[in-house]
Amino acid sequence: MMTHLEPELELLLDDVDEMRRRDPGGMLNLVRGFSGQLQEALRISDNTELPPNLGGLRNIVIAGLGGSGITGDIIREQTSDETSVPVVAVKGYDLPAFVNSKTLVFAVSYSGNTEETLGVYETARARGAGLVCVTSGGQLLEAARSDDVPVVVVPGGFPPRCALAYLFTPILVILGRLGYTEDRREAIAEAIQLTEDLTTVIDPEAPASVNQAKRLALAIYGKVPLIYGSTGITSVAALRWKTQINENSKAHAFWNVFPELNHNEIVGWSAQPDISRALHVVLLRDKEDHLKVQRRIEITKEFMTEASGVSEVFSHGKTKEARLLSLIHIGDFTSLYLAFLYDQDPTPIWAIEYFKERLADENERGSW
């Protein structure tokens, strides 16, 4: 439903100069450059030297937090129907008990200074696990070079959430080089072309009347978005949408996954209409969604009549890589347009920086 504010807001999203004024950190340019980042990440991945003893291990762990941490989720979903060894994402201080000399551990920290990941790195070394680091610098790079651990050095200077291409591409390529998966270069090449083409229809120059990302931001504005994916690649895309809205738009967002949400969250839709009217649902869809999940989505929409609205976003492309990245790319742009609607600079994340400072102060005082 059109609100009295929407024409004014739509004009804002068509004022490229005003959006750039609200984006002094240049986040728009970083998101627009995603396809080029994928291309460069592919080149970096091919040039990384790997020892032969990293192949043929029994399990794979990908450790990281925040913008680095979603890498493990992406790799797990991209390879789940192909690799014969389990892939586990770790987002904390501790490694699972099964990690030993038969485990391949990827320690991923864009800054190189994430304390949880540094702790995982040391634990993995102590247990004799195979190790590969992915970082732009910091303590992790220093430790890897000192310990003669293979390290993929990626370009620095980005907000970690804008370094996604540099963080997951090397791991995907390395797993192929080591024989855990098929070679993924062609799939990544499709993703590069697709995201480049997609950018032209959702970037700031494309008017809101035909720009999907702008229309989505207008629909979400003033509401709490619930991002729903389903088991598989759309679950990771939903997580990415949620975190990008949190960090770029400085707003609440939540996510869940079919079919699990049909066993709990659906009940809230049937009983709390006042709360439901404050929510906007974004359904992320993929052509390979399970047939029964597709039917679940259609039935669940019948429960959402009190929501402010329901938007559906469909993936593009042939390969899993391209389809996932198309959803992520649309979500990244949507979060920026939503930031501009809220008059927020998308780049700073003051709450996270303040939290880290408080945590560091308490560590120094021995308050833990």
Protein backbone atom coordinates (compact mmCIF):
# COMPACT_ATOMS: atom_id res chain seq x y z
CA MET A 1 0.00 0.00 0.00
CA MET A 2 1.27 3.45 -0.96
CA THR A 3 1.84 5.82 1.97
CA HIS A 4 1.74 9.63 1.79
CA LEU A 5 5.50 9.63 2.39
CA GLU A 6 6.42 7.19 -0.36
CA PRO A 7 6.55 9.67 -3.30
CA GLU A 8 8.91 11.88 -1.30
CA LEU A 9 11.07 8.90 -0.35
CA GLU A 10 11.11 7.66 -3.91
CA LEU A 11 12.40 11.03 -5.05
CA LEU A 12 15.20 10.74 -2.50
CA LEU A 13 16.28 7.36 -3.91
CA ASP A 14 16.39 8.88 -7.39
CA ASP A 15 18.59 11.76 -6.24
CA VAL A 16 22.04 10.27 -6.84
CA ASP A 17 23.87 13.34 -5.54
CA GLU A 18 21.92 13.28 -2.27
CA MET A 19 22.61 9.58 -1.77
CA ARG A 20 26.31 10.17 -2.28
CA ARG A 21 26.16 12.99 0.27
CA ARG A 22 24.76 10.47 2.76
CA ASP A 23 27.50 8.00 1.84
CA PRO A 24 30.79 9.77 2.68
CA GLY A 25 32.53 6.42 3.19
CA GLY A 26 31.84 5.35 -0.40
CA MET A 27 29.91 2.19 0.45
CA LEU A 28 27.94 2.43 -2.79
CA ASN A 29 31.09 2.20 -4.84
CA LEU A 30 32.26 -0.84 -2.90
CA VAL A 31 28.98 -2.66 -3.48
CA ARG A 32 28.93 -1.65 -7.15
CA GLY A 33 32.42 -3.13 -7.49
CA PHE A 34 31.46 -6.61 -6.28
CA SER A 35 31.96 -8.35 -9.64
CA GLY A 36 35.44 -6.86 -9.95
CA GLN A 37 36.26 -8.02 -6.44
CA LEU A 38 35.23 -11.55 -7.39
CA GLN A 39 37.52 -11.39 -10.41
CA GLU A 40 40.49 -10.23 -8.35
CA ALA A 41 39.76 -12.80 -5.65
CA LEU A 42 39.89 -15.53 -8.28
CA ARG A 43 43.34 -14.38 -9.37
CA ILE A 44 44.59 -14.25 -5.76
CA SER A 45 43.25 -17.74 -5.12
CA ASP A 46 45.09 -19.25 -8.06
CA ASN A 47 48.38 -17.74 -6.90
CA THR A 48 48.26 -19.11 -3.35
CA GLU A 49 50.84 -21.86 -2.66
CA LEU A 50 49.53 -24.93 -0.84
CA PRO A 51 51.42 -27.86 0.72
CA PRO A 52 50.28 -31.31 -0.48
CA ASN A 53 49.42 -32.59 3.01
CA LEU A 54 46.19 -30.54 3.17
CA GLY A 55 44.32 -32.91 0.89
CA GLY A 56 42.49 -36.07 1.92
CA LEU A 57 41.58 -34.98 5.45
CA ARG A 58 38.41 -36.16 7.21
CA ASN A 59 36.62 -32.92 8.02
CA ILE A 60 36.74 -29.20 7.32
CA VAL A 61 36.23 -26.31 9.74
CA ILE A 62 35.86 -22.68 8.68
CA ALA A 63 36.28 -20.29 11.60
CA GLY A 64 35.37 -16.61 11.58
CA LEU A 65 33.03 -13.96 12.99
CA GLY A 66 30.80 -11.30 11.50
CA GLY A 67 31.60 -10.38 7.90
CA SER A 68 34.28 -13.06 7.91
CA GLY A 69 32.09 -15.61 9.67
CA ILE A 70 29.42 -15.87 6.99
CA THR A 71 32.14 -17.33 4.78
CA GLY A 72 31.78 -20.66 6.56
CA ASP A 73 28.02 -20.66 6.01
CA ILE A 74 28.47 -19.93 2.31
CA ILE A 75 31.05 -22.66 1.79
CA ARG A 76 28.98 -25.20 3.71
CA GLU A 77 25.92 -24.60 1.57
CA GLN A 78 27.83 -24.37 -1.70
CA THR A 79 29.58 -27.69 -1.17
CA SER A 80 27.07 -29.71 0.85
CA ASP A 81 25.86 -31.77 -2.11
CA GLU A 82 29.35 -32.45 -3.40
CA THR A 83 32.04 -32.95 -0.77
CA SER A 84 32.09 -36.27 1.07
CA VAL A 85 33.55 -34.75 4.24
CA PRO A 86 31.59 -32.61 6.71
CA VAL A 87 32.05 -28.83 6.60
CA VAL A 88 31.47 -27.00 9.89
CA ALA A 89 31.28 -23.25 10.47
CA VAL A 90 32.68 -22.08 13.82
CA LYS A 91 31.76 -18.64 15.14
CA GLY A 92 33.29 -18.50 18.57
CA TYR A 93 36.37 -19.06 20.69
CA ASP A 94 36.38 -22.86 20.76
CA LEU A 95 36.90 -25.62 18.24
CA PRO A 96 34.84 -28.83 18.33
CA ALA A 97 36.47 -31.76 20.09
CA PHE A 98 36.78 -33.71 16.82
CA VAL A 99 39.35 -31.27 15.41
CA ASN A 100 42.74 -32.99 15.16
CA SER A 101 45.47 -33.78 12.65
CA LYS A 102 42.84 -35.10 10.24
CA THR A 103 41.02 -31.74 10.11
CA LEU A 104 41.52 -28.89 7.66
CA VAL A 105 40.89 -25.56 9.41
CA PHE A 106 40.44 -22.26 7.59
CA ALA A 107 41.02 -19.33 9.95
CA VAL A 108 39.25 -16.34 8.40
CA SER A 109 39.64 -12.83 9.77
CA TYR A 110 39.60 -9.91 7.39
CA SER A 111 41.28 -7.57 9.85
CA GLY A 112 43.52 -10.31 11.18
CA ASN A 113 42.81 -9.18 14.74
CA THR A 114 39.56 -10.97 15.63
CA GLU A 115 40.26 -12.38 19.07
CA GLU A 116 38.01 -15.43 18.69
CA THR A 117 39.66 -16.44 15.41
CA LEU A 118 43.15 -15.90 16.79
CA GLY A 119 42.26 -18.26 19.62
CA VAL A 120 40.95 -20.86 17.16
CA TYR A 121 44.17 -20.55 15.15
CA GLU A 122 46.29 -21.37 18.20
CA THR A 123 44.06 -24.27 19.20
CA ALA A 124 44.17 -25.72 15.69
CA ARG A 125 47.96 -25.53 15.65
CA ALA A 126 48.21 -27.18 19.06
CA ARG A 127 46.06 -30.07 17.83
CA GLY A 128 48.09 -30.53 14.68
CA ALA A 129 45.30 -29.63 12.28
CA GLY A 130 45.99 -28.56 8.73
CA LEU A 131 45.68 -24.78 8.56
CA VAL A 132 45.03 -22.14 5.93
CA CYS A 133 44.54 -18.48 6.86
CA VAL A 134 42.58 -15.87 4.93
CA THR A 135 43.25 -12.29 6.01
CA SER A 136 44.34 -8.83 4.93
CA GLY A 137 46.92 -8.44 7.68
CA GLY A 138 47.07 -7.99 11.44
CA GLN A 139 48.11 -10.56 14.02
CA LEU A 140 46.79 -13.50 12.01
CA LEU A 141 49.01 -12.70 9.03
CA GLU A 142 51.99 -12.19 11.34
CA ALA A 143 51.38 -15.52 13.07
CA ALA A 144 50.84 -17.44 9.83
CA ARG A 145 54.07 -16.19 8.33
CA SER A 146 55.98 -16.85 11.53
CA ASP A 147 54.58 -20.39 11.76
CA ASP A 148 54.96 -21.12 8.02
CA VAL A 149 51.20 -21.61 7.64
CA PRO A 150 49.68 -21.07 4.17
CA VAL A 151 47.95 -17.71 4.04
CA VAL A 152 45.79 -16.02 1.42
CA VAL A 153 46.52 -12.30 1.69
CA VAL A 154 43.60 -10.23 0.41
CA PRO A 155 43.40 -6.47 -0.18
CA GLY A 156 42.89 -4.39 2.94
CA GLY A 157 41.02 -1.18 3.62
CA PHE A 158 37.45 -2.46 3.20
CA PRO A 159 34.79 -2.73 5.88
CA PRO A 160 34.84 -6.51 6.52
CA ARG A 161 31.25 -6.90 5.29
CA CYS A 162 32.39 -5.50 1.91
CA ALA A 163 35.22 -8.03 1.60
CA LEU A 164 32.96 -11.05 1.10
CA ALA A 165 34.27 -11.86 -2.38
CA TYR A 166 37.85 -11.90 -1.11
CA LEU A 167 37.03 -14.15 1.83
CA PHE A 168 34.93 -16.98 0.41
CA THR A 169 36.35 -17.24 -3.14
CA PRO A 170 39.83 -18.42 -2.04
CA ILE A 171 38.36 -21.15 0.14
CA LEU A 172 36.07 -22.37 -2.63
CA VAL A 173 38.96 -22.46 -5.10
CA ILE A 174 41.34 -24.10 -2.62
CA LEU A 175 38.85 -26.87 -1.84
CA GLY A 176 38.75 -27.60 -5.56
CA ARG A 177 42.52 -27.53 -5.87
CA LEU A 178 42.84 -29.96 -2.96
CA GLY A 179 40.29 -32.36 -4.44
CA TYR A 180 37.46 -31.90 -1.92
CA THR A 181 35.15 -30.46 -4.60
CA GLU A 182 35.08 -29.98 -8.34
CA ASP A 183 36.81 -26.96 -9.82
CA ARG A 184 34.51 -23.95 -9.28
CA ARG A 185 36.17 -21.39 -11.56
CA GLU A 186 33.48 -21.59 -14.23
CA ALA A 187 30.74 -21.16 -11.61
CA ILE A 188 32.53 -18.12 -10.19
CA ALA A 189 32.97 -16.75 -13.72
CA GLU A 190 29.19 -16.95 -14.20
CA ALA A 191 28.69 -15.15 -10.89
CA ILE A 192 31.08 -12.40 -11.98
CA GLN A 193 29.15 -11.73 -15.19
CA LEU A 194 25.76 -12.05 -13.54
CA THR A 195 26.49 -9.62 -10.70
CA GLU A 196 27.99 -7.17 -13.18
CA ASP A 197 24.81 -7.29 -15.27
CA LEU A 198 22.60 -7.13 -12.20
CA THR A 199 24.37 -4.01 -10.96
CA THR A 200 23.19 -2.03 -13.97
CA VAL A 201 19.51 -2.48 -13.04
CA ILE A 202 19.74 -1.96 -9.27
CA ASP A 203 22.47 0.67 -8.91
CA PRO A 204 21.70 4.32 -8.02
CA GLU A 205 21.32 5.40 -11.64
CA ALA A 206 18.37 3.05 -12.17
CA PRO A 207 15.14 4.86 -11.13
CA ALA A 208 13.05 3.57 -8.25
CA SER A 209 10.13 2.86 -10.57
CA VAL A 210 12.09 -0.02 -12.14
CA ASN A 211 14.80 -0.68 -9.52
CA GLN A 212 14.03 -3.79 -7.46
CA ALA A 213 16.41 -2.92 -4.61
CA LYS A 214 14.97 0.57 -4.24
CA ARG A 215 11.40 -0.78 -4.27
CA LEU A 216 12.33 -3.26 -1.55
CA ALA A 217 13.89 -0.53 0.60
CA LEU A 218 10.74 1.56 0.25
CA ALA A 219 8.61 -1.42 1.27
CA ILE A 220 10.76 -2.17 4.33
CA TYR A 221 11.14 1.46 5.46
CA GLY A 222 9.56 2.06 8.86
CA LYS A 223 8.93 -1.65 9.43
CA VAL A 224 10.87 -4.52 10.97
CA PRO A 225 11.93 -6.83 8.14
CA LEU A 226 11.72 -10.59 8.56
CA ILE A 227 13.92 -12.28 5.99
CA TYR A 228 12.87 -15.83 5.23
CA GLY A 229 14.99 -18.29 3.28
CA SER A 230 14.86 -22.06 3.09
CA THR A 231 17.33 -24.84 3.79
CA GLY A 232 20.14 -24.37 1.27
CA ILE A 233 21.58 -21.28 -0.38
CA THR A 234 18.66 -18.99 0.46
CA SER A 235 19.23 -19.58 4.17
CA VAL A 236 22.69 -18.02 3.84
CA ALA A 237 21.30 -15.19 1.73
CA ALA A 238 18.70 -14.50 4.43
CA LEU A 239 21.40 -14.29 7.08
CA ARG A 240 23.38 -11.89 4.90
CA TRP A 241 20.32 -9.67 4.32
CA LYS A 242 19.71 -9.56 8.07
CA THR A 243 23.26 -8.56 8.97
CA GLN A 244 23.57 -6.01 6.16
CA ILE A 245 20.39 -4.26 7.27
CA ASN A 246 21.74 -4.29 10.85
CA GLU A 247 25.11 -2.79 9.91
CA ASN A 248 24.40 -0.65 6.85
CA SER A 249 20.87 0.55 7.61
CA LYS A 250 21.39 0.70 11.40
CA ALA A 251 18.05 -1.08 11.84
CA HIS A 252 16.54 -4.19 13.34
CA ALA A 253 16.10 -7.20 11.06
CA PHE A 254 15.52 -10.87 11.73
CA TRP A 255 15.71 -14.05 9.71
CA ASN A 256 14.47 -17.62 9.71
CA VAL A 257 14.37 -20.65 7.45
CA PHE A 258 11.77 -22.95 5.93
CA PRO A 259 10.75 -25.62 6.85
CA GLU A 260 11.90 -25.05 10.45
CA LEU A 261 9.85 -21.88 10.92
CA ASN A 262 6.68 -23.87 10.16
CA HIS A 263 7.31 -25.74 13.41
CA ASN A 264 7.41 -22.62 15.63
CA GLU A 265 7.43 -19.08 14.24
CA ILE A 266 4.25 -19.53 12.19
CA VAL A 267 2.24 -19.58 15.43
CA GLY A 268 3.08 -15.92 16.06
CA TRP A 269 1.50 -14.97 12.76
CA SER A 270 -1.79 -16.53 13.80
CA ALA A 271 -2.17 -14.75 17.14
CA GLN A 272 -0.54 -11.29 17.22
CA PRO A 273 -2.05 -9.07 14.49
CA ASP A 274 -0.92 -5.80 16.12
CA ILE A 275 2.68 -6.92 16.11
CA SER A 276 2.34 -8.41 12.63
CA ARG A 277 1.37 -5.03 11.20
CA ALA A 278 4.82 -3.72 12.19
CA LEU A 279 6.55 -6.41 10.14
CA HIS A 280 7.46 -6.73 6.48
CA VAL A 281 8.34 -10.17 5.17
CA VAL A 282 10.95 -10.74 2.47
CA LEU A 283 10.83 -14.23 0.98
CA LEU A 284 14.05 -15.29 -0.76
CA ARG A 285 13.27 -17.86 -3.44
CA ASP A 286 15.37 -20.20 -5.56
CA LYS A 287 14.48 -22.51 -8.43
CA GLU A 288 15.93 -25.47 -6.55
CA ASP A 289 13.87 -24.95 -3.42
CA HIS A 290 12.45 -28.33 -2.43
CA LEU A 291 8.98 -28.86 -3.92
CA LYS A 292 7.49 -29.39 -0.47
CA VAL A 293 9.16 -26.20 0.76
CA GLN A 294 7.63 -24.29 -2.14
CA ARG A 295 4.20 -25.51 -1.05
CA ARG A 296 4.98 -24.60 2.58
CA ILE A 297 5.84 -21.06 1.50
CA GLU A 298 2.54 -20.64 -0.31
CA ILE A 299 0.51 -21.89 2.65
CA THR A 300 2.53 -19.77 5.11
CA LYS A 301 1.76 -16.63 3.11
CA GLU A 302 -1.89 -17.18 4.01
CA PHE A 303 -0.95 -16.52 7.66
CA MET A 304 0.68 -13.16 6.81
CA THR A 305 -2.40 -11.18 5.90
CA GLU A 306 -1.84 -8.79 8.81
CA ALA A 307 1.78 -8.05 7.84
CA SER A 308 2.55 -4.65 6.36
CA GLY A 309 3.54 -6.49 3.22
CA VAL A 310 5.22 -9.53 1.72
CA SER A 311 7.95 -9.19 -0.92
CA GLU A 312 9.44 -12.05 -2.90
CA VAL A 313 12.95 -11.99 -4.34
CA PHE A 314 13.98 -14.69 -6.79
CA SER A 315 17.56 -15.75 -7.51
CA HIS A 316 19.16 -15.42 -10.94
CA GLY A 317 21.63 -17.65 -12.73
CA LYS A 318 22.40 -21.31 -13.33
CA THR A 319 25.02 -22.36 -10.77
CA LYS A 320 24.56 -22.29 -7.00
CA GLU A 321 27.32 -19.68 -6.76
CA ALA A 322 25.62 -17.30 -9.18
CA ARG A 323 22.17 -17.77 -7.69
CA LEU A 324 23.35 -17.19 -4.13
CA LEU A 325 25.41 -14.15 -5.04
CA SER A 326 22.54 -12.64 -7.01
CA LEU A 327 20.38 -12.70 -3.87
CA ILE A 328 23.22 -11.31 -1.76
CA HIS A 329 23.88 -8.52 -4.27
CA ILE A 330 20.24 -7.42 -4.30
CA GLY A 331 20.20 -7.47 -0.49
CA ASP A 332 23.38 -5.42 -0.22
CA PHE A 333 21.95 -2.66 -2.42
CA THR A 334 18.62 -2.80 -0.58
CA SER A 335 20.37 -2.25 2.76
CA LEU A 336 22.16 0.83 1.38
CA TYR A 337 18.99 2.39 0.03
CA LEU A 338 17.30 1.73 3.36
CA ALA A 339 20.21 3.47 5.12
CA PHE A 340 19.70 6.55 2.95
CA LEU A 341 15.97 6.54 3.71
CA TYR A 342 16.86 6.57 7.42
CA ASP A 343 19.50 9.28 6.77
CA GLN A 344 22.26 6.99 8.00
CA ASP A 345 25.84 6.81 6.78
CA PRO A 346 26.11 3.09 5.97
CA THR A 347 29.84 2.77 6.66
CA PRO A 348 30.39 3.41 10.42
CA ILE A 349 29.40 0.74 12.92
CA TRP A 350 29.78 2.72 16.13
CA ALA A 351 27.94 0.22 18.32
CA ILE A 352 30.33 -2.59 17.41
CA GLU A 353 33.40 -0.39 17.88
CA TYR A 354 32.14 0.81 21.26
CA PHE A 355 31.43 -2.77 22.32
CA LYS A 356 34.98 -3.84 21.36
CA GLU A 357 36.45 -0.95 23.33
CA ARG A 358 34.42 -1.86 26.41
CA LEU A 359 35.45 -5.50 26.08
CA ALA A 360 39.12 -4.56 25.72
CA ASP A 361 38.94 -2.30 28.77
CA GLU A 362 37.46 -5.08 30.89
CA ASN A 363 40.06 -7.56 29.65
CA GLU A 364 42.83 -5.15 30.68
CA ARG A 365 41.29 -4.66 34.12
CA GLY A 366 40.87 -8.40 34.59
CA SER A 367 37.12 -8.07 35.08
CA TRP A 368 36.45 -11.47 33.51
